[in-house]
């Protein structure tokens, strides 16, 4: 966290490399220029740029981590593969990618391996949920041995998310609250925060995205995710917020979103 952010809000604000540029170095420059404290990197693959497991890419990412902390490595590529199959078991190809990503996360000093559950990884049937639990359970053992946290994100509401977590039954697992994905699925982020936090399973790194334009860098639009952010921050213990709008064509919006998060957090009580 930057010294200024720590002193003024006590809340770190992270930027998502995959929402800025597939060029990780270029994304890091944009994130730092916008005042971000942290940078979440993506493992790559498909249309998200080169794989981080390529030696030159990993060396470049290690250099990035010297300039801005990289606490999270996201493996969005599993959305293109599928975590599970209809037999109710983990997909070996997805686990192989996640194993390679875990090695990279350790090299970067990341504390969290982020696994999403969308598109081909969407747990839309009971068998796919069983297979997703199988994949997360297997990966959880490896992540725990490495001393990291396994973060899982999906559009499932709190009850279904908690049922999946119970099926995984591994202490390394935490569930991600993403305001945009939950609202798009018809779920209430506040209810998700309340119910998941009650079981101690809420990852303290929130994701906030809302395409509604800001009414100015200091004023969130009424009804937007940023407008609702203070209530979320009061609801649960949060160490960081990832702003996740699409900044590829609108890099100035990143600075606005970082400011909105800082203002939502308010001054530090210290």
C-alpha atoms as a PDB file:
ATOM      1  CA  UNK A   1       0.000   0.000   0.000  1.00  0.00           C
ATOM      2  CA  UNK A   2       1.274   3.490  -0.704  1.00  0.00           C
ATOM      3  CA  UNK A   3       2.071   5.627   2.322  1.00  0.00           C
ATOM      4  CA  UNK A   4      -0.482   8.277   1.311  1.00  0.00           C
ATOM      5  CA  UNK A   5      -3.336   5.779   0.978  1.00  0.00           C
ATOM      6  CA  UNK A   6      -2.485   4.092   4.266  1.00  0.00           C
ATOM      7  CA  UNK A   7      -2.403   7.364   6.108  1.00  0.00           C
ATOM      8  CA  UNK A   8      -5.615   8.795   4.669  1.00  0.00           C
ATOM      9  CA  UNK A   9      -7.995   5.837   4.390  1.00  0.00           C
ATOM     10  CA  UNK A  10      -6.393   2.648   5.696  1.00  0.00           C
ATOM     11  CA  UNK A  11      -7.858   0.905   2.633  1.00  0.00           C
ATOM     12  CA  UNK A  12      -5.764  -0.321  -0.291  1.00  0.00           C
ATOM     13  CA  UNK A  13      -7.191   0.109  -3.783  1.00  0.00           C
ATOM     14  CA  UNK A  14      -6.135  -2.395  -6.429  1.00  0.00           C
ATOM     15  CA  UNK A  15      -6.219  -2.239 -10.219  1.00  0.00           C
ATOM     16  CA  UNK A  16      -6.867  -5.237 -12.513  1.00  0.00           C
ATOM     17  CA  UNK A  17      -4.198  -5.717 -15.168  1.00  0.00           C
ATOM     18  CA  UNK A  18      -6.572  -7.641 -17.462  1.00  0.00           C
ATOM     19  CA  UNK A  19      -8.960  -4.662 -17.531  1.00  0.00           C
ATOM     20  CA  UNK A  20      -6.174  -2.270 -18.538  1.00  0.00           C
ATOM     21  CA  UNK A  21      -3.895  -4.070 -20.994  1.00  0.00           C
ATOM     22  CA  UNK A  22      -2.662  -7.539 -21.875  1.00  0.00           C
ATOM     23  CA  UNK A  23       0.808  -5.962 -21.690  1.00  0.00           C
ATOM     24  CA  UNK A  24       1.512  -6.368 -17.984  1.00  0.00           C
ATOM     25  CA  UNK A  25       4.214  -3.713 -17.879  1.00  0.00           C
ATOM     26  CA  UNK A  26       2.005  -1.168 -19.621  1.00  0.00           C
ATOM     27  CA  UNK A  27      -0.848  -1.997 -17.244  1.00  0.00           C
ATOM     28  CA  UNK A  28       1.427  -1.502 -14.241  1.00  0.00           C
ATOM     29  CA  UNK A  29       2.436   1.951 -15.474  1.00  0.00           C
ATOM     30  CA  UNK A  30      -1.209   2.952 -15.916  1.00  0.00           C
ATOM     31  CA  UNK A  31      -2.155   1.561 -12.496  1.00  0.00           C
ATOM     32  CA  UNK A  32       0.610   3.424 -10.694  1.00  0.00           C
ATOM     33  CA  UNK A  33      -0.109   6.652 -12.571  1.00  0.00           C
ATOM     34  CA  UNK A  34      -3.744   6.390 -11.461  1.00  0.00           C
ATOM     35  CA  UNK A  35      -2.710   6.113  -7.810  1.00  0.00           C
ATOM     36  CA  UNK A  36      -3.445   2.416  -7.319  1.00  0.00           C
ATOM     37  CA  UNK A  37      -1.812   0.812  -4.304  1.00  0.00           C
ATOM     38  CA  UNK A  38      -1.874  -2.738  -5.660  1.00  0.00           C
ATOM     39  CA  UNK A  39      -1.993  -4.556  -8.973  1.00  0.00           C
ATOM     40  CA  UNK A  40      -3.765  -7.862  -9.585  1.00  0.00           C
ATOM     41  CA  UNK A  41      -2.103  -9.743 -12.427  1.00  0.00           C
ATOM     42  CA  UNK A  42      -3.670 -12.284 -14.746  1.00  0.00           C
ATOM     43  CA  UNK A  43      -2.065 -15.601 -15.655  1.00  0.00           C
ATOM     44  CA  UNK A  44      -2.921 -14.992 -19.307  1.00  0.00           C
ATOM     45  CA  UNK A  45      -3.995 -17.283 -22.082  1.00  0.00           C
ATOM     46  CA  UNK A  46      -6.715 -17.138 -24.719  1.00  0.00           C
ATOM     47  CA  UNK A  47      -7.298 -13.437 -25.466  1.00  0.00           C
ATOM     48  CA  UNK A  48      -5.732 -12.123 -22.271  1.00  0.00           C
ATOM     49  CA  UNK A  49      -2.160 -12.020 -23.430  1.00  0.00           C
ATOM     50  CA  UNK A  50       0.839 -14.319 -23.069  1.00  0.00           C
ATOM     51  CA  UNK A  51       0.963 -16.952 -20.364  1.00  0.00           C
ATOM     52  CA  UNK A  52       2.761 -15.856 -17.231  1.00  0.00           C
ATOM     53  CA  UNK A  53       4.493 -19.238 -17.088  1.00  0.00           C
ATOM     54  CA  UNK A  54       6.613 -18.230 -20.089  1.00  0.00           C
ATOM     55  CA  UNK A  55      10.045 -17.427 -18.588  1.00  0.00           C
ATOM     56  CA  UNK A  56      10.372 -13.947 -20.086  1.00  0.00           C
ATOM     57  CA  UNK A  57       6.852 -13.001 -18.972  1.00  0.00           C
ATOM     58  CA  UNK A  58       7.469 -14.235 -15.439  1.00  0.00           C
ATOM     59  CA  UNK A  59      10.734 -12.289 -15.195  1.00  0.00           C
ATOM     60  CA  UNK A  60       8.914  -9.155 -16.343  1.00  0.00           C
ATOM     61  CA  UNK A  61       6.167  -9.732 -13.784  1.00  0.00           C
ATOM     62  CA  UNK A  62       8.725 -10.183 -11.015  1.00  0.00           C
ATOM     63  CA  UNK A  63      10.163  -6.787 -11.957  1.00  0.00           C
ATOM     64  CA  UNK A  64       6.657  -5.296 -11.816  1.00  0.00           C
ATOM     65  CA  UNK A  65       6.167  -6.703  -8.309  1.00  0.00           C
ATOM     66  CA  UNK A  66       9.228  -4.772  -7.192  1.00  0.00           C
ATOM     67  CA  UNK A  67       7.513  -1.505  -8.152  1.00  0.00           C
ATOM     68  CA  UNK A  68       3.934  -2.217  -7.060  1.00  0.00           C
ATOM     69  CA  UNK A  69       2.733  -5.061  -4.815  1.00  0.00           C
ATOM     70  CA  UNK A  70       0.986  -7.959  -6.574  1.00  0.00           C
ATOM     71  CA  UNK A  71      -1.066  -9.673  -3.844  1.00  0.00           C
ATOM     72  CA  UNK A  72      -3.364 -11.602  -6.203  1.00  0.00           C
ATOM     73  CA  UNK A  73      -2.839 -13.722  -9.292  1.00  0.00           C
ATOM     74  CA  UNK A  74      -6.073 -14.323 -11.213  1.00  0.00           C
ATOM     75  CA  UNK A  75      -6.468 -17.318 -13.499  1.00  0.00           C
ATOM     76  CA  UNK A  76      -9.218 -16.098 -15.811  1.00  0.00           C
ATOM     77  CA  UNK A  77      -8.125 -18.633 -18.420  1.00  0.00           C
ATOM     78  CA  UNK A  78     -10.058 -21.352 -16.583  1.00  0.00           C
ATOM     79  CA  UNK A  79     -13.236 -19.657 -17.826  1.00  0.00           C
ATOM     80  CA  UNK A  80     -12.171 -20.770 -21.308  1.00  0.00           C
ATOM     81  CA  UNK A  81     -11.377 -24.336 -20.201  1.00  0.00           C
ATOM     82  CA  UNK A  82     -13.974 -25.273 -17.609  1.00  0.00           C
ATOM     83  CA  UNK A  83     -13.178 -26.239 -14.020  1.00  0.00           C
ATOM     84  CA  UNK A  84     -15.395 -29.322 -14.141  1.00  0.00           C
ATOM     85  CA  UNK A  85     -17.275 -31.672 -16.426  1.00  0.00           C
ATOM     86  CA  UNK A  86     -20.770 -33.124 -16.336  1.00  0.00           C
ATOM     87  CA  UNK A  87     -19.453 -36.300 -14.714  1.00  0.00           C
ATOM     88  CA  UNK A  88     -19.059 -34.273 -11.545  1.00  0.00           C
ATOM     89  CA  UNK A  89     -15.271 -34.291 -11.501  1.00  0.00           C
ATOM     90  CA  UNK A  90     -12.532 -31.708 -11.900  1.00  0.00           C
ATOM     91  CA  UNK A  91     -11.198 -31.036 -15.374  1.00  0.00           C
ATOM     92  CA  UNK A  92      -7.528 -32.157 -15.489  1.00  0.00           C
ATOM     93  CA  UNK A  93      -6.621 -29.467 -18.026  1.00  0.00           C
ATOM     94  CA  UNK A  94      -7.909 -26.739 -15.719  1.00  0.00           C
ATOM     95  CA  UNK A  95      -6.028 -28.180 -12.751  1.00  0.00           C
ATOM     96  CA  UNK A  96      -2.834 -28.298 -14.803  1.00  0.00           C
ATOM     97  CA  UNK A  97      -3.177 -24.596 -15.653  1.00  0.00           C
ATOM     98  CA  UNK A  98      -3.931 -23.755 -12.030  1.00  0.00           C
ATOM     99  CA  UNK A  99      -0.859 -25.678 -10.864  1.00  0.00           C
ATOM    100  CA  UNK A 100       1.328 -23.633 -13.211  1.00  0.00           C
ATOM    101  CA  UNK A 101      -0.360 -20.455 -12.017  1.00  0.00           C
ATOM    102  CA  UNK A 102       0.296 -21.370  -8.393  1.00  0.00           C
ATOM    103  CA  UNK A 103       4.007 -21.707  -9.125  1.00  0.00           C
ATOM    104  CA  UNK A 104       3.932 -18.229 -10.693  1.00  0.00           C
ATOM    105  CA  UNK A 105       2.024 -16.770  -7.736  1.00  0.00           C
ATOM    106  CA  UNK A 106       4.730 -18.015  -5.395  1.00  0.00           C
ATOM    107  CA  UNK A 107       7.435 -16.438  -7.531  1.00  0.00           C
ATOM    108  CA  UNK A 108       5.580 -13.103  -7.398  1.00  0.00           C
ATOM    109  CA  UNK A 109       5.006 -13.184  -3.654  1.00  0.00           C
ATOM    110  CA  UNK A 110       1.227 -13.194  -4.116  1.00  0.00           C
ATOM    111  CA  UNK A 111      -0.949 -14.215  -1.194  1.00  0.00           C
ATOM    112  CA  UNK A 112      -4.080 -15.151  -3.136  1.00  0.00           C
ATOM    113  CA  UNK A 113      -4.765 -17.387  -6.134  1.00  0.00           C
ATOM    114  CA  UNK A 114      -8.021 -16.190  -7.690  1.00  0.00           C
ATOM    115  CA  UNK A 115     -10.170 -18.746  -9.517  1.00  0.00           C
ATOM    116  CA  UNK A 116     -13.293 -17.544 -11.361  1.00  0.00           C
ATOM    117  CA  UNK A 117     -16.391 -19.566 -12.204  1.00  0.00           C
ATOM    118  CA  UNK A 118     -17.886 -18.071 -15.364  1.00  0.00           C
ATOM    119  CA  UNK A 119     -18.627 -19.141 -18.936  1.00  0.00           C
ATOM    120  CA  UNK A 120     -17.282 -22.722 -19.284  1.00  0.00           C
ATOM    121  CA  UNK A 121     -16.577 -22.786 -15.542  1.00  0.00           C
ATOM    122  CA  UNK A 122     -20.057 -21.590 -14.592  1.00  0.00           C
ATOM    123  CA  UNK A 123     -21.453 -24.144 -12.094  1.00  0.00           C
ATOM    124  CA  UNK A 124     -24.939 -24.156 -13.642  1.00  0.00           C
ATOM    125  CA  UNK A 125     -25.858 -27.787 -12.821  1.00  0.00           C
ATOM    126  CA  UNK A 126     -25.541 -29.968  -9.750  1.00  0.00           C
ATOM    127  CA  UNK A 127     -22.917 -32.143 -11.436  1.00  0.00           C
ATOM    128  CA  UNK A 128     -20.882 -29.136 -12.481  1.00  0.00           C
ATOM    129  CA  UNK A 129     -21.089 -27.842  -8.923  1.00  0.00           C
ATOM    130  CA  UNK A 130     -19.867 -31.188  -7.649  1.00  0.00           C
ATOM    131  CA  UNK A 131     -17.001 -31.091 -10.149  1.00  0.00           C
ATOM    132  CA  UNK A 132     -16.199 -27.505  -9.202  1.00  0.00           C
ATOM    133  CA  UNK A 133     -16.047 -28.527  -5.537  1.00  0.00           C
ATOM    134  CA  UNK A 134     -13.744 -31.395  -6.516  1.00  0.00           C
ATOM    135  CA  UNK A 135     -11.437 -29.016  -8.381  1.00  0.00           C
ATOM    136  CA  UNK A 136     -11.369 -26.468  -5.555  1.00  0.00           C
ATOM    137  CA  UNK A 137     -10.770 -29.174  -2.938  1.00  0.00           C
ATOM    138  CA  UNK A 138      -7.823 -30.571  -4.891  1.00  0.00           C
ATOM    139  CA  UNK A 139      -6.400 -27.121  -5.537  1.00  0.00           C
ATOM    140  CA  UNK A 140      -7.024 -26.078  -1.941  1.00  0.00           C
ATOM    141  CA  UNK A 141      -4.590 -28.695  -0.691  1.00  0.00           C
ATOM    142  CA  UNK A 142      -1.860 -27.399  -2.981  1.00  0.00           C
ATOM    143  CA  UNK A 143      -2.594 -23.754  -2.217  1.00  0.00           C
ATOM    144  CA  UNK A 144      -2.604 -24.389   1.536  1.00  0.00           C
ATOM    145  CA  UNK A 145       0.717 -26.240   1.343  1.00  0.00           C
ATOM    146  CA  UNK A 146       2.121 -23.150  -0.355  1.00  0.00           C
ATOM    147  CA  UNK A 147       0.740 -20.856   2.357  1.00  0.00           C
ATOM    148  CA  UNK A 148      -1.694 -19.017   0.068  1.00  0.00           C
ATOM    149  CA  UNK A 149      -5.442 -18.389   0.074  1.00  0.00           C
ATOM    150  CA  UNK A 150      -7.703 -19.835  -2.627  1.00  0.00           C
ATOM    151  CA  UNK A 151     -10.293 -17.264  -3.725  1.00  0.00           C
ATOM    152  CA  UNK A 152     -13.342 -18.398  -5.704  1.00  0.00           C
ATOM    153  CA  UNK A 153     -15.679 -16.055  -7.556  1.00  0.00           C
ATOM    154  CA  UNK A 154     -18.938 -16.880  -9.304  1.00  0.00           C
ATOM    155  CA  UNK A 155     -22.394 -15.357  -9.846  1.00  0.00           C
ATOM    156  CA  UNK A 156     -23.911 -17.732  -7.290  1.00  0.00           C
ATOM    157  CA  UNK A 157     -25.860 -16.124  -4.468  1.00  0.00           C
ATOM    158  CA  UNK A 158     -24.871 -16.518  -0.815  1.00  0.00           C
ATOM    159  CA  UNK A 159     -26.768 -19.745  -0.116  1.00  0.00           C
ATOM    160  CA  UNK A 160     -25.477 -21.559  -3.183  1.00  0.00           C
ATOM    161  CA  UNK A 161     -21.979 -20.176  -2.647  1.00  0.00           C
ATOM    162  CA  UNK A 162     -21.960 -21.383   0.949  1.00  0.00           C
ATOM    163  CA  UNK A 163     -23.278 -24.790  -0.103  1.00  0.00           C
ATOM    164  CA  UNK A 164     -20.406 -25.051  -2.583  1.00  0.00           C
ATOM    165  CA  UNK A 165     -17.909 -23.985   0.082  1.00  0.00           C
ATOM    166  CA  UNK A 166     -19.257 -26.637   2.452  1.00  0.00           C
ATOM    167  CA  UNK A 167     -18.819 -29.232  -0.291  1.00  0.00           C
ATOM    168  CA  UNK A 168     -15.207 -28.121  -0.756  1.00  0.00           C
ATOM    169  CA  UNK A 169     -14.656 -28.151   3.007  1.00  0.00           C
ATOM    170  CA  UNK A 170     -11.156 -26.712   2.960  1.00  0.00           C
ATOM    171  CA  UNK A 171      -9.810 -23.933   5.202  1.00  0.00           C
ATOM    172  CA  UNK A 172      -7.829 -22.319   2.367  1.00  0.00           C
ATOM    173  CA  UNK A 173     -11.022 -21.381   0.505  1.00  0.00           C
ATOM    174  CA  UNK A 174     -12.593 -17.918   0.596  1.00  0.00           C
ATOM    175  CA  UNK A 175     -15.467 -16.517  -1.475  1.00  0.00           C
ATOM    176  CA  UNK A 176     -15.195 -13.319  -3.503  1.00  0.00           C
ATOM    177  CA  UNK A 177     -17.792 -10.557  -3.443  1.00  0.00           C
ATOM    178  CA  UNK A 178     -18.040  -8.821  -6.811  1.00  0.00           C
ATOM    179  CA  UNK A 179     -20.763  -6.175  -6.838  1.00  0.00           C
ATOM    180  CA  UNK A 180     -21.254  -6.120 -10.597  1.00  0.00           C
ATOM    181  CA  UNK A 181     -21.435  -9.881 -11.102  1.00  0.00           C
ATOM    182  CA  UNK A 182     -23.809 -10.376  -8.177  1.00  0.00           C
ATOM    183  CA  UNK A 183     -26.160  -7.607  -9.255  1.00  0.00           C
ATOM    184  CA  UNK A 184     -26.161  -8.869 -12.841  1.00  0.00           C
ATOM    185  CA  UNK A 185     -27.227 -12.265 -11.472  1.00  0.00           C
ATOM    186  CA  UNK A 186     -30.036 -10.642  -9.480  1.00  0.00           C
ATOM    187  CA  UNK A 187     -28.270 -10.988  -6.124  1.00  0.00           C
ATOM    188  CA  UNK A 188     -27.825  -8.394  -3.374  1.00  0.00           C
ATOM    189  CA  UNK A 189     -24.153  -7.695  -2.547  1.00  0.00           C
ATOM    190  CA  UNK A 190     -25.055  -6.613   0.988  1.00  0.00           C
ATOM    191  CA  UNK A 191     -26.882  -9.881   1.641  1.00  0.00           C
ATOM    192  CA  UNK A 192     -23.914 -11.797   0.193  1.00  0.00           C
ATOM    193  CA  UNK A 193     -21.543  -9.912   2.494  1.00  0.00           C
ATOM    194  CA  UNK A 194     -23.708 -10.504   5.550  1.00  0.00           C
ATOM    195  CA  UNK A 195     -24.311 -14.218   5.026  1.00  0.00           C
ATOM    196  CA  UNK A 196     -20.867 -15.231   3.782  1.00  0.00           C
ATOM    197  CA  UNK A 197     -19.025 -13.136   6.380  1.00  0.00           C
ATOM    198  CA  UNK A 198     -21.095 -14.771   9.123  1.00  0.00           C
ATOM    199  CA  UNK A 199     -19.372 -18.062   8.246  1.00  0.00           C
ATOM    200  CA  UNK A 200     -15.924 -16.474   8.078  1.00  0.00           C
ATOM    201  CA  UNK A 201     -15.610 -17.257   4.366  1.00  0.00           C
ATOM    202  CA  UNK A 202     -15.652 -13.790   2.798  1.00  0.00           C
ATOM    203  CA  UNK A 203     -12.383 -12.796   1.137  1.00  0.00           C
ATOM    204  CA  UNK A 204     -11.467  -9.368   2.555  1.00  0.00           C
ATOM    205  CA  UNK A 205     -10.718  -8.104  -0.964  1.00  0.00           C
ATOM    206  CA  UNK A 206     -13.916  -6.780  -2.561  1.00  0.00           C
ATOM    207  CA  UNK A 207     -14.433  -6.292  -6.304  1.00  0.00           C
ATOM    208  CA  UNK A 208     -16.385  -3.226  -7.391  1.00  0.00           C
ATOM    209  CA  UNK A 209     -17.509  -2.451 -10.903  1.00  0.00           C
ATOM    210  CA  UNK A 210     -20.257  -0.239 -12.209  1.00  0.00           C
ATOM    211  CA  UNK A 211     -20.451   1.212 -15.697  1.00  0.00           C
ATOM    212  CA  UNK A 212     -22.471   4.199 -14.446  1.00  0.00           C
ATOM    213  CA  UNK A 213     -20.382   7.342 -15.044  1.00  0.00           C
ATOM    214  CA  UNK A 214     -19.235   9.208 -11.983  1.00  0.00           C
ATOM    215  CA  UNK A 215     -20.829  12.565 -11.255  1.00  0.00           C
ATOM    216  CA  UNK A 216     -17.317  13.822 -10.637  1.00  0.00           C
ATOM    217  CA  UNK A 217     -14.276  12.093  -9.188  1.00  0.00           C
ATOM    218  CA  UNK A 218     -15.497  12.682  -5.641  1.00  0.00           C
ATOM    219  CA  UNK A 219     -19.194  11.943  -6.161  1.00  0.00           C
ATOM    220  CA  UNK A 220     -20.537   8.488  -7.090  1.00  0.00           C
ATOM    221  CA  UNK A 221     -23.729   8.344  -9.097  1.00  0.00           C
ATOM    222  CA  UNK A 222     -26.761   7.586  -6.888  1.00  0.00           C
ATOM    223  CA  UNK A 223     -27.636   3.914  -7.077  1.00  0.00           C
ATOM    224  CA  UNK A 224     -24.209   2.928  -8.376  1.00  0.00           C
ATOM    225  CA  UNK A 225     -21.942   0.312  -6.830  1.00  0.00           C
ATOM    226  CA  UNK A 226     -19.617   3.059  -5.625  1.00  0.00           C
ATOM    227  CA  UNK A 227     -22.532   4.834  -3.974  1.00  0.00           C
ATOM    228  CA  UNK A 228     -23.326   1.613  -2.091  1.00  0.00           C
ATOM    229  CA  UNK A 229     -19.688   0.889  -1.219  1.00  0.00           C
ATOM    230  CA  UNK A 230     -19.648   2.621   2.213  1.00  0.00           C
ATOM    231  CA  UNK A 231     -22.443   0.314   3.403  1.00  0.00           C
ATOM    232  CA  UNK A 232     -20.466  -2.710   2.210  1.00  0.00           C
ATOM    233  CA  UNK A 233     -17.342  -1.497   3.964  1.00  0.00           C
ATOM    234  CA  UNK A 234     -19.317  -1.111   7.197  1.00  0.00           C
ATOM    235  CA  UNK A 235     -20.782  -4.597   6.791  1.00  0.00           C
ATOM    236  CA  UNK A 236     -17.534  -6.555   6.679  1.00  0.00           C
ATOM    237  CA  UNK A 237     -13.824  -6.360   7.365  1.00  0.00           C
ATOM    238  CA  UNK A 238     -12.109  -5.274   4.155  1.00  0.00           C
ATOM    239  CA  UNK A 239      -8.407  -4.858   3.482  1.00  0.00           C
ATOM    240  CA  UNK A 240      -8.655  -3.846  -0.193  1.00  0.00           C
ATOM    241  CA  UNK A 241     -11.025  -3.036  -3.020  1.00  0.00           C
ATOM    242  CA  UNK A 242     -10.367  -4.030  -6.620  1.00  0.00           C
ATOM    243  CA  UNK A 243     -11.901  -1.569  -9.080  1.00  0.00           C
ATOM    244  CA  UNK A 244     -12.889  -3.626 -12.097  1.00  0.00           C
ATOM    245  CA  UNK A 245     -14.467  -1.468 -14.743  1.00  0.00           C
ATOM    246  CA  UNK A 246     -13.077  -1.736 -18.268  1.00  0.00           C
ATOM    247  CA  UNK A 247     -10.188   0.724 -18.490  1.00  0.00           C
ATOM    248  CA  UNK A 248      -8.742  -0.430 -21.795  1.00  0.00           C
ATOM    249  CA  UNK A 249     -10.242   2.492 -23.692  1.00  0.00           C
ATOM    250  CA  UNK A 250     -10.810   4.751 -20.685  1.00  0.00           C
ATOM    251  CA  UNK A 251      -7.669   4.888 -18.528  1.00  0.00           C
ATOM    252  CA  UNK A 252      -8.793   8.167 -16.923  1.00  0.00           C
ATOM    253  CA  UNK A 253     -11.752   6.312 -15.420  1.00  0.00           C
ATOM    254  CA  UNK A 254      -9.308   4.259 -13.351  1.00  0.00           C
ATOM    255  CA  UNK A 255      -8.134   7.310 -11.426  1.00  0.00           C
ATOM    256  CA  UNK A 256     -11.769   8.331 -10.838  1.00  0.00           C
ATOM    257  CA  UNK A 257     -12.644   4.877  -9.518  1.00  0.00           C
ATOM    258  CA  UNK A 258      -9.622   4.796  -7.220  1.00  0.00           C
ATOM    259  CA  UNK A 259     -10.698   8.168  -5.811  1.00  0.00           C
ATOM    260  CA  UNK A 260     -14.281   6.973  -5.339  1.00  0.00           C
ATOM    261  CA  UNK A 261     -13.066   3.996  -3.302  1.00  0.00           C
ATOM    262  CA  UNK A 262     -10.855   6.146  -1.125  1.00  0.00           C
ATOM    263  CA  UNK A 263     -13.692   8.558  -0.469  1.00  0.00           C
ATOM    264  CA  UNK A 264     -16.033   5.680   0.338  1.00  0.00           C
ATOM    265  CA  UNK A 265     -13.578   4.382   2.921  1.00  0.00           C
ATOM    266  CA  UNK A 266     -13.381   7.739   4.673  1.00  0.00           C
ATOM    267  CA  UNK A 267     -10.515   8.922   6.871  1.00  0.00           C
ATOM    268  CA  UNK A 268      -8.561   6.433   8.910  1.00  0.00           C
ATOM    269  CA  UNK A 269      -9.469   6.344  12.610  1.00  0.00           C
ATOM    270  CA  UNK A 270      -5.761   6.458  13.462  1.00  0.00           C
END
